[in-house]
């Protein structure tokens, strides 16, 4: 390598392909196209995605780390089944993380960032659009919070929370309630009221937890 020249390594196409495969399978799981408990074979996924088994293995390892895929004895890998205890644990972890993010926003967010949070909450009619808007809202929230460690901790459970959000927002009236709760959080951030904003964030997560558990119970009944 030429003297004094560093950092010019180009990312290998194989890694980019693995990331695209991971994104595609993750989206299929969170949309419900690949339902909980469904067996995942490299052969079937290879036919669906048109990529090599090597890329699929790497993608499935990543999804295992995210908790979206799990090993099921002799059956091999399957889409993770989110049981009531796991759902409760996820939201119990999410609540203090979200409260911390909101308090950091109160301290660190610019007026423009707060305005962007409000804009992200323009309520769309379709569920997929609302899910995308909610994900955008949390991306902006974490960016405004300005804490990279908190961002990583959010990321470790976000895929499973997003999958649960898809089912919980179908509970009667929950989509509208969730929208109102998030608007209240933004109002409190704008007023720079950290304790009240954190309390509202905690209440929002607990309401989401109750809706997710109700949706899970309905699916089992």
C-alpha atoms as a PDB file:
ATOM      1  CA  UNK A   1       0.000   0.000   0.000  1.00  0.00           C
ATOM      2  CA  UNK A   2       1.263   3.481  -0.794  1.00  0.00           C
ATOM      3  CA  UNK A   3       2.909   5.283   2.146  1.00  0.00           C
ATOM      4  CA  UNK A   4       0.490   7.362   4.201  1.00  0.00           C
ATOM      5  CA  UNK A   5      -2.631   6.005   2.509  1.00  0.00           C
ATOM      6  CA  UNK A   6      -5.011   4.109   4.777  1.00  0.00           C
ATOM      7  CA  UNK A   7      -8.706   3.342   5.033  1.00  0.00           C
ATOM      8  CA  UNK A   8      -9.368   2.728   1.344  1.00  0.00           C
ATOM      9  CA  UNK A   9     -10.612  -0.835   1.668  1.00  0.00           C
ATOM     10  CA  UNK A  10     -13.877  -1.245  -0.219  1.00  0.00           C
ATOM     11  CA  UNK A  11     -16.665  -3.245   1.410  1.00  0.00           C
ATOM     12  CA  UNK A  12     -17.010  -6.625  -0.254  1.00  0.00           C
ATOM     13  CA  UNK A  13     -20.145  -7.272  -2.311  1.00  0.00           C
ATOM     14  CA  UNK A  14     -20.793 -10.490  -0.358  1.00  0.00           C
ATOM     15  CA  UNK A  15     -21.358  -8.488   2.811  1.00  0.00           C
ATOM     16  CA  UNK A  16     -23.675  -6.057   1.056  1.00  0.00           C
ATOM     17  CA  UNK A  17     -25.653  -9.012  -0.274  1.00  0.00           C
ATOM     18  CA  UNK A  18     -25.883 -10.559   3.194  1.00  0.00           C
ATOM     19  CA  UNK A  19     -27.237  -7.294   4.577  1.00  0.00           C
ATOM     20  CA  UNK A  20     -29.867  -7.093   1.837  1.00  0.00           C
ATOM     21  CA  UNK A  21     -30.918 -10.690   2.485  1.00  0.00           C
ATOM     22  CA  UNK A  22     -31.101 -10.014   6.230  1.00  0.00           C
ATOM     23  CA  UNK A  23     -33.278  -6.951   5.607  1.00  0.00           C
ATOM     24  CA  UNK A  24     -35.586  -8.868   3.257  1.00  0.00           C
ATOM     25  CA  UNK A  25     -36.126 -11.820   5.609  1.00  0.00           C
ATOM     26  CA  UNK A  26     -36.509  -9.501   8.611  1.00  0.00           C
ATOM     27  CA  UNK A  27     -39.194  -7.533   6.787  1.00  0.00           C
ATOM     28  CA  UNK A  28     -41.005 -10.735   5.799  1.00  0.00           C
ATOM     29  CA  UNK A  29     -41.041 -11.801   9.451  1.00  0.00           C
ATOM     30  CA  UNK A  30     -42.188  -8.459  10.854  1.00  0.00           C
ATOM     31  CA  UNK A  31     -44.903  -8.236   8.170  1.00  0.00           C
ATOM     32  CA  UNK A  32     -46.132 -11.686   9.129  1.00  0.00           C
ATOM     33  CA  UNK A  33     -45.429 -13.211   5.714  1.00  0.00           C
ATOM     34  CA  UNK A  34     -43.186 -15.685   7.540  1.00  0.00           C
ATOM     35  CA  UNK A  35     -45.373 -16.506  10.527  1.00  0.00           C
ATOM     36  CA  UNK A  36     -44.152 -17.423  14.053  1.00  0.00           C
ATOM     37  CA  UNK A  37     -43.150 -21.068  14.314  1.00  0.00           C
ATOM     38  CA  UNK A  38     -42.608 -21.494  10.582  1.00  0.00           C
ATOM     39  CA  UNK A  39     -39.630 -23.680   9.778  1.00  0.00           C
ATOM     40  CA  UNK A  40     -36.885 -21.897   7.867  1.00  0.00           C
ATOM     41  CA  UNK A  41     -34.840 -24.029   5.502  1.00  0.00           C
ATOM     42  CA  UNK A  42     -31.941 -22.807   3.432  1.00  0.00           C
ATOM     43  CA  UNK A  43     -33.440 -24.534   0.408  1.00  0.00           C
ATOM     44  CA  UNK A  44     -36.800 -22.739   0.623  1.00  0.00           C
ATOM     45  CA  UNK A  45     -35.258 -19.370   1.444  1.00  0.00           C
ATOM     46  CA  UNK A  46     -32.774 -19.839  -1.382  1.00  0.00           C
ATOM     47  CA  UNK A  47     -35.655 -20.374  -3.805  1.00  0.00           C
ATOM     48  CA  UNK A  48     -37.485 -17.323  -2.436  1.00  0.00           C
ATOM     49  CA  UNK A  49     -34.495 -14.986  -2.452  1.00  0.00           C
ATOM     50  CA  UNK A  50     -32.340 -16.387  -5.239  1.00  0.00           C
ATOM     51  CA  UNK A  51     -29.134 -16.112  -3.203  1.00  0.00           C
ATOM     52  CA  UNK A  52     -26.498 -18.589  -2.066  1.00  0.00           C
ATOM     53  CA  UNK A  53     -26.722 -20.692   1.077  1.00  0.00           C
ATOM     54  CA  UNK A  54     -23.659 -18.923   2.449  1.00  0.00           C
ATOM     55  CA  UNK A  55     -25.419 -15.552   2.365  1.00  0.00           C
ATOM     56  CA  UNK A  56     -28.549 -17.123   3.859  1.00  0.00           C
ATOM     57  CA  UNK A  57     -26.619 -18.700   6.733  1.00  0.00           C
ATOM     58  CA  UNK A  58     -25.051 -15.355   7.588  1.00  0.00           C
ATOM     59  CA  UNK A  59     -28.430 -13.611   7.397  1.00  0.00           C
ATOM     60  CA  UNK A  60     -30.077 -16.209   9.633  1.00  0.00           C
ATOM     61  CA  UNK A  61     -27.290 -15.857  12.198  1.00  0.00           C
ATOM     62  CA  UNK A  62     -27.932 -12.110  12.302  1.00  0.00           C
ATOM     63  CA  UNK A  63     -31.670 -12.665  12.727  1.00  0.00           C
ATOM     64  CA  UNK A  64     -31.015 -15.156  15.533  1.00  0.00           C
ATOM     65  CA  UNK A  65     -29.024 -12.454  17.313  1.00  0.00           C
ATOM     66  CA  UNK A  66     -32.009 -10.101  16.933  1.00  0.00           C
ATOM     67  CA  UNK A  67     -34.359 -12.693  18.409  1.00  0.00           C
ATOM     68  CA  UNK A  68     -36.460 -13.042  15.253  1.00  0.00           C
ATOM     69  CA  UNK A  69     -35.216 -16.558  14.473  1.00  0.00           C
ATOM     70  CA  UNK A  70     -34.684 -19.380  16.960  1.00  0.00           C
ATOM     71  CA  UNK A  71     -33.445 -22.946  16.968  1.00  0.00           C
ATOM     72  CA  UNK A  72     -36.104 -25.577  17.559  1.00  0.00           C
ATOM     73  CA  UNK A  73     -34.502 -28.927  18.321  1.00  0.00           C
ATOM     74  CA  UNK A  74     -34.290 -31.327  15.418  1.00  0.00           C
ATOM     75  CA  UNK A  75     -36.419 -29.042  13.238  1.00  0.00           C
ATOM     76  CA  UNK A  76     -33.558 -26.625  12.889  1.00  0.00           C
ATOM     77  CA  UNK A  77     -34.375 -22.926  12.613  1.00  0.00           C
ATOM     78  CA  UNK A  78     -37.814 -21.370  12.762  1.00  0.00           C
ATOM     79  CA  UNK A  79     -39.384 -17.935  13.034  1.00  0.00           C
ATOM     80  CA  UNK A  80     -39.299 -17.089  16.740  1.00  0.00           C
ATOM     81  CA  UNK A  81     -42.508 -17.581  18.687  1.00  0.00           C
ATOM     82  CA  UNK A  82     -43.021 -14.618  21.012  1.00  0.00           C
ATOM     83  CA  UNK A  83     -44.656 -16.025  24.120  1.00  0.00           C
ATOM     84  CA  UNK A  84     -46.401 -13.888  26.740  1.00  0.00           C
ATOM     85  CA  UNK A  85     -43.407 -13.988  29.143  1.00  0.00           C
ATOM     86  CA  UNK A  86     -41.025 -12.909  26.361  1.00  0.00           C
ATOM     87  CA  UNK A  87     -43.381 -10.109  25.277  1.00  0.00           C
ATOM     88  CA  UNK A  88     -43.596  -8.874  28.869  1.00  0.00           C
ATOM     89  CA  UNK A  89     -39.816  -8.921  29.218  1.00  0.00           C
ATOM     90  CA  UNK A  90     -39.334  -7.023  25.957  1.00  0.00           C
ATOM     91  CA  UNK A  91     -41.630  -4.198  27.008  1.00  0.00           C
ATOM     92  CA  UNK A  92     -40.223  -4.153  30.542  1.00  0.00           C
ATOM     93  CA  UNK A  93     -36.822  -3.458  28.979  1.00  0.00           C
ATOM     94  CA  UNK A  94     -38.252  -1.008  26.454  1.00  0.00           C
ATOM     95  CA  UNK A  95     -39.981   1.192  29.063  1.00  0.00           C
ATOM     96  CA  UNK A  96     -36.873   2.581  30.813  1.00  0.00           C
ATOM     97  CA  UNK A  97     -35.026   2.875  27.495  1.00  0.00           C
ATOM     98  CA  UNK A  98     -37.809   4.969  25.989  1.00  0.00           C
ATOM     99  CA  UNK A  99     -38.086   7.115  29.118  1.00  0.00           C
ATOM    100  CA  UNK A 100     -34.326   7.740  28.997  1.00  0.00           C
ATOM    101  CA  UNK A 101     -34.463   8.636  25.295  1.00  0.00           C
ATOM    102  CA  UNK A 102     -37.252  11.130  25.908  1.00  0.00           C
ATOM    103  CA  UNK A 103     -35.444  12.765  28.841  1.00  0.00           C
ATOM    104  CA  UNK A 104     -32.301  13.099  26.738  1.00  0.00           C
ATOM    105  CA  UNK A 105     -34.395  14.676  23.984  1.00  0.00           C
ATOM    106  CA  UNK A 106     -35.708  17.243  26.439  1.00  0.00           C
ATOM    107  CA  UNK A 107     -32.110  18.221  27.211  1.00  0.00           C
ATOM    108  CA  UNK A 108     -30.492  17.867  23.809  1.00  0.00           C
ATOM    109  CA  UNK A 109     -33.038  18.256  21.004  1.00  0.00           C
ATOM    110  CA  UNK A 110     -33.082  21.463  19.001  1.00  0.00           C
ATOM    111  CA  UNK A 111     -36.377  23.178  18.243  1.00  0.00           C
ATOM    112  CA  UNK A 112     -36.042  21.949  14.663  1.00  0.00           C
ATOM    113  CA  UNK A 113     -35.636  18.359  15.829  1.00  0.00           C
ATOM    114  CA  UNK A 114     -38.732  18.661  18.016  1.00  0.00           C
ATOM    115  CA  UNK A 115     -40.665  20.029  15.042  1.00  0.00           C
ATOM    116  CA  UNK A 116     -39.473  17.072  12.959  1.00  0.00           C
ATOM    117  CA  UNK A 117     -40.765  14.672  15.619  1.00  0.00           C
ATOM    118  CA  UNK A 118     -44.191  16.274  15.358  1.00  0.00           C
ATOM    119  CA  UNK A 119     -44.129  16.143  11.560  1.00  0.00           C
ATOM    120  CA  UNK A 120     -43.296  12.427  11.669  1.00  0.00           C
ATOM    121  CA  UNK A 121     -46.533  11.831  13.570  1.00  0.00           C
ATOM    122  CA  UNK A 122     -48.815  12.977  10.769  1.00  0.00           C
ATOM    123  CA  UNK A 123     -51.230  10.063  11.040  1.00  0.00           C
ATOM    124  CA  UNK A 124     -51.610   8.000   7.839  1.00  0.00           C
ATOM    125  CA  UNK A 125     -54.677   5.867   7.165  1.00  0.00           C
ATOM    126  CA  UNK A 126     -53.026   2.551   6.305  1.00  0.00           C
ATOM    127  CA  UNK A 127     -51.373   0.340   8.927  1.00  0.00           C
ATOM    128  CA  UNK A 128     -48.170  -0.123   6.915  1.00  0.00           C
ATOM    129  CA  UNK A 129     -47.836   3.653   6.542  1.00  0.00           C
ATOM    130  CA  UNK A 130     -48.451   4.176  10.253  1.00  0.00           C
ATOM    131  CA  UNK A 131     -45.827   1.568  11.116  1.00  0.00           C
ATOM    132  CA  UNK A 132     -43.325   3.290   8.837  1.00  0.00           C
ATOM    133  CA  UNK A 133     -44.160   6.668  10.402  1.00  0.00           C
ATOM    134  CA  UNK A 134     -43.722   5.266  13.912  1.00  0.00           C
ATOM    135  CA  UNK A 135     -40.362   3.762  13.010  1.00  0.00           C
ATOM    136  CA  UNK A 136     -39.325   7.114  11.525  1.00  0.00           C
ATOM    137  CA  UNK A 137     -40.446   8.854  14.729  1.00  0.00           C
ATOM    138  CA  UNK A 138     -38.216   6.643  16.855  1.00  0.00           C
ATOM    139  CA  UNK A 139     -35.265   7.088  14.499  1.00  0.00           C
ATOM    140  CA  UNK A 140     -35.635  10.859  14.915  1.00  0.00           C
ATOM    141  CA  UNK A 141     -36.127  10.535  18.674  1.00  0.00           C
ATOM    142  CA  UNK A 142     -32.920   8.550  19.105  1.00  0.00           C
ATOM    143  CA  UNK A 143     -31.007  10.892  16.828  1.00  0.00           C
ATOM    144  CA  UNK A 144     -32.176  13.888  18.871  1.00  0.00           C
ATOM    145  CA  UNK A 145     -31.342  12.107  22.131  1.00  0.00           C
ATOM    146  CA  UNK A 146     -27.730  11.951  20.993  1.00  0.00           C
ATOM    147  CA  UNK A 147     -26.619   8.830  22.858  1.00  0.00           C
ATOM    148  CA  UNK A 148     -25.057   6.101  20.730  1.00  0.00           C
ATOM    149  CA  UNK A 149     -25.147   3.459  23.496  1.00  0.00           C
ATOM    150  CA  UNK A 150     -28.865   4.004  24.007  1.00  0.00           C
ATOM    151  CA  UNK A 151     -29.308   3.708  20.241  1.00  0.00           C
ATOM    152  CA  UNK A 152     -27.567   0.316  20.273  1.00  0.00           C
ATOM    153  CA  UNK A 153     -29.715  -0.905  23.159  1.00  0.00           C
ATOM    154  CA  UNK A 154     -32.882   0.154  21.338  1.00  0.00           C
ATOM    155  CA  UNK A 155     -31.652  -1.605  18.223  1.00  0.00           C
ATOM    156  CA  UNK A 156     -31.181  -4.910  20.035  1.00  0.00           C
ATOM    157  CA  UNK A 157     -34.955  -5.271  20.592  1.00  0.00           C
ATOM    158  CA  UNK A 158     -36.437  -3.030  17.890  1.00  0.00           C
ATOM    159  CA  UNK A 159     -37.146  -5.776  15.335  1.00  0.00           C
ATOM    160  CA  UNK A 160     -39.246  -7.745  17.822  1.00  0.00           C
ATOM    161  CA  UNK A 161     -41.002  -4.618  19.100  1.00  0.00           C
ATOM    162  CA  UNK A 162     -41.814  -3.668  15.499  1.00  0.00           C
ATOM    163  CA  UNK A 163     -43.289  -7.114  14.839  1.00  0.00           C
ATOM    164  CA  UNK A 164     -45.436  -6.789  17.969  1.00  0.00           C
ATOM    165  CA  UNK A 165     -46.466  -3.263  16.996  1.00  0.00           C
ATOM    166  CA  UNK A 166     -47.946  -4.630  13.787  1.00  0.00           C
ATOM    167  CA  UNK A 167     -50.338  -6.889  15.705  1.00  0.00           C
ATOM    168  CA  UNK A 168     -50.998  -4.624  18.704  1.00  0.00           C
ATOM    169  CA  UNK A 169     -52.106  -1.675  16.566  1.00  0.00           C
ATOM    170  CA  UNK A 170     -54.893  -3.857  15.186  1.00  0.00           C
ATOM    171  CA  UNK A 171     -56.515  -3.999  18.637  1.00  0.00           C
ATOM    172  CA  UNK A 172     -59.631  -1.827  18.494  1.00  0.00           C
ATOM    173  CA  UNK A 173     -58.748   1.837  19.025  1.00  0.00           C
ATOM    174  CA  UNK A 174     -55.089   1.178  19.838  1.00  0.00           C
ATOM    175  CA  UNK A 175     -53.733   2.890  16.717  1.00  0.00           C
ATOM    176  CA  UNK A 176     -55.506   6.139  17.619  1.00  0.00           C
ATOM    177  CA  UNK A 177     -54.515   5.861  21.295  1.00  0.00           C
ATOM    178  CA  UNK A 178     -50.876   5.272  20.383  1.00  0.00           C
ATOM    179  CA  UNK A 179     -50.887   8.302  18.105  1.00  0.00           C
ATOM    180  CA  UNK A 180     -52.310  10.515  20.867  1.00  0.00           C
ATOM    181  CA  UNK A 181     -49.762   9.207  23.365  1.00  0.00           C
ATOM    182  CA  UNK A 182     -46.845   9.996  21.067  1.00  0.00           C
ATOM    183  CA  UNK A 183     -48.192  13.492  20.384  1.00  0.00           C
ATOM    184  CA  UNK A 184     -48.405  14.080  24.137  1.00  0.00           C
ATOM    185  CA  UNK A 185     -44.781  13.001  24.500  1.00  0.00           C
ATOM    186  CA  UNK A 186     -43.721  15.476  21.799  1.00  0.00           C
ATOM    187  CA  UNK A 187     -45.712  18.259  23.497  1.00  0.00           C
ATOM    188  CA  UNK A 188     -43.895  17.575  26.770  1.00  0.00           C
ATOM    189  CA  UNK A 189     -40.513  17.474  25.022  1.00  0.00           C
ATOM    190  CA  UNK A 190     -41.331  20.834  23.431  1.00  0.00           C
ATOM    191  CA  UNK A 191     -42.145  22.227  26.901  1.00  0.00           C
ATOM    192  CA  UNK A 192     -38.799  20.833  28.124  1.00  0.00           C
ATOM    193  CA  UNK A 193     -40.537  18.961  30.932  1.00  0.00           C
ATOM    194  CA  UNK A 194     -38.243  15.968  31.379  1.00  0.00           C
ATOM    195  CA  UNK A 195     -39.970  14.139  34.247  1.00  0.00           C
ATOM    196  CA  UNK A 196     -43.439  14.465  32.711  1.00  0.00           C
ATOM    197  CA  UNK A 197     -42.176  13.420  29.268  1.00  0.00           C
ATOM    198  CA  UNK A 198     -40.434  10.366  30.736  1.00  0.00           C
ATOM    199  CA  UNK A 199     -43.572   9.407  32.666  1.00  0.00           C
ATOM    200  CA  UNK A 200     -45.658   9.737  29.491  1.00  0.00           C
ATOM    201  CA  UNK A 201     -43.160   7.568  27.592  1.00  0.00           C
ATOM    202  CA  UNK A 202     -43.339   4.880  30.270  1.00  0.00           C
ATOM    203  CA  UNK A 203     -47.146   4.972  30.208  1.00  0.00           C
ATOM    204  CA  UNK A 204     -47.077   4.657  26.404  1.00  0.00           C
ATOM    205  CA  UNK A 205     -44.875   1.557  26.539  1.00  0.00           C
ATOM    206  CA  UNK A 206     -47.039  -0.048  29.224  1.00  0.00           C
ATOM    207  CA  UNK A 207     -50.149   0.586  27.111  1.00  0.00           C
ATOM    208  CA  UNK A 208     -48.365  -0.945  24.112  1.00  0.00           C
ATOM    209  CA  UNK A 209     -47.429  -3.940  26.266  1.00  0.00           C
ATOM    210  CA  UNK A 210     -51.053  -4.463  27.319  1.00  0.00           C
ATOM    211  CA  UNK A 211     -52.206  -4.270  23.687  1.00  0.00           C
ATOM    212  CA  UNK A 212     -49.511  -6.699  22.519  1.00  0.00           C
ATOM    213  CA  UNK A 213     -50.421  -9.208  25.231  1.00  0.00           C
ATOM    214  CA  UNK A 214     -54.109  -8.864  24.349  1.00  0.00           C
ATOM    215  CA  UNK A 215     -53.320  -9.453  20.673  1.00  0.00           C
ATOM    216  CA  UNK A 216     -51.258 -12.516  21.592  1.00  0.00           C
ATOM    217  CA  UNK A 217     -54.060 -13.889  23.757  1.00  0.00           C
ATOM    218  CA  UNK A 218     -56.578 -13.348  20.945  1.00  0.00           C
ATOM    219  CA  UNK A 219     -54.338 -15.202  18.495  1.00  0.00           C
ATOM    220  CA  UNK A 220     -54.109 -18.190  20.842  1.00  0.00           C
ATOM    221  CA  UNK A 221     -57.811 -18.282  21.759  1.00  0.00           C
END
